[in-house]
Amino acid sequence: MADPQLFRCRLLKTRDLKLLAIASLLLGGFTGRAILDVLGAPATFGLGAGFRVVIALVWLGVPSKVPVKSN
C-alpha cells in the first residue's frame, strides 16, 4: 500500500510481483485445503514434504555467482 504508483493502469514490476505473490499465497492455501479434504492429513503432509524435496533438488541446479575480478 506504500507504493505511490499502486493504482496506475500500466505495467509496474514492483506492484505486479506483489500481486502475484498474494495471488499465489491464496491459491496455495485453497489448494492445500482441498487436498487435505480429499486425501487426509498424512497424505497431505507427505505431498508437501515431497514438494520441498523437489524444490531443494532444483536449487542444486542453480549456477553459482561468478566473482567479479577488480583490476
Protein backbone atom coordinates (compact mmCIF):
# COMPACT_ATOMS: atom_id res chain seq x y z
CA MET A 1 0.00 0.00 0.00
CA ALA A 2 3.00 2.32 0.29
CA ASP A 3 3.71 2.19 -3.45
CA PRO A 4 2.88 5.63 -4.90
CA GLN A 5 2.07 4.14 -8.31
CA LEU A 6 -0.18 1.38 -6.96
CA PHE A 7 -3.31 2.30 -8.91
CA ARG A 8 -1.72 3.35 -12.21
CA CYS A 9 -3.00 1.33 -15.17
CA ARG A 10 0.31 0.25 -16.66
CA LEU A 11 2.88 -2.46 -16.09
CA LEU A 12 4.76 -1.85 -12.86
CA LYS A 13 7.16 -4.58 -11.83
CA THR A 14 7.13 -3.98 -8.06
CA ARG A 15 3.35 -3.86 -7.83
CA ASP A 16 2.81 -6.77 -10.20
CA LEU A 17 5.20 -9.01 -8.27
CA LYS A 18 3.41 -8.18 -5.02
CA LEU A 19 0.05 -9.02 -6.56
CA LEU A 20 1.45 -12.27 -7.96
CA ALA A 21 2.79 -13.22 -4.52
CA ILE A 22 -0.58 -12.53 -2.87
CA ALA A 23 -2.46 -14.50 -5.55
CA SER A 24 -0.02 -17.41 -5.23
CA LEU A 25 -0.43 -17.45 -1.46
CA LEU A 26 -4.22 -17.54 -1.74
CA LEU A 27 -4.14 -20.21 -4.46
CA GLY A 28 -1.77 -22.34 -2.38
CA GLY A 29 -3.98 -22.05 0.68
CA PHE A 30 -7.12 -23.08 -1.18
CA THR A 31 -5.29 -25.90 -2.96
CA GLY A 32 -3.80 -27.18 0.29
CA ARG A 33 -7.20 -27.20 1.98
CA ALA A 34 -8.77 -29.03 -0.97
CA ILE A 35 -6.02 -31.68 -0.92
CA LEU A 36 -6.46 -32.03 2.85
CA ASP A 37 -10.19 -32.68 2.43
CA VAL A 38 -9.65 -35.27 -0.31
CA LEU A 39 -6.54 -37.15 0.87
CA GLY A 40 -6.39 -36.56 4.61
CA ALA A 41 -3.67 -35.11 6.84
CA PRO A 42 -0.90 -37.75 6.49
CA ALA A 43 -1.02 -37.81 2.69
CA THR A 44 -1.13 -34.00 2.52
CA PHE A 45 1.90 -33.78 4.81
CA GLY A 46 3.76 -36.30 2.63
CA LEU A 47 2.84 -34.40 -0.52
CA GLY A 48 4.11 -31.15 0.99
CA ALA A 49 7.36 -32.82 2.05
CA GLY A 50 7.76 -34.22 -1.45
CA PHE A 51 7.35 -30.76 -2.97
CA ARG A 52 10.01 -29.41 -0.61
CA VAL A 53 12.43 -32.16 -1.66
CA VAL A 54 11.82 -31.33 -5.32
CA ILE A 55 12.43 -27.63 -4.63
CA ALA A 56 15.67 -28.46 -2.80
CA LEU A 57 16.83 -30.56 -5.75
CA VAL A 58 16.02 -27.75 -8.18
CA TRP A 59 18.17 -25.39 -6.10
CA LEU A 60 21.14 -27.72 -6.67
CA GLY A 61 20.95 -26.85 -10.38
CA VAL A 62 21.23 -23.09 -9.87
CA PRO A 63 24.67 -21.92 -11.04
CA SER A 64 26.88 -20.14 -8.55
CA LYS A 65 27.63 -16.47 -8.91
CA VAL A 66 30.90 -15.78 -10.70
CA PRO A 67 33.03 -13.34 -8.69
CA VAL A 68 33.93 -10.12 -10.47
CA LYS A 69 37.67 -9.52 -10.63
CA SER A 70 38.77 -5.98 -9.96
CA ASN A 71 41.91 -4.51 -11.51
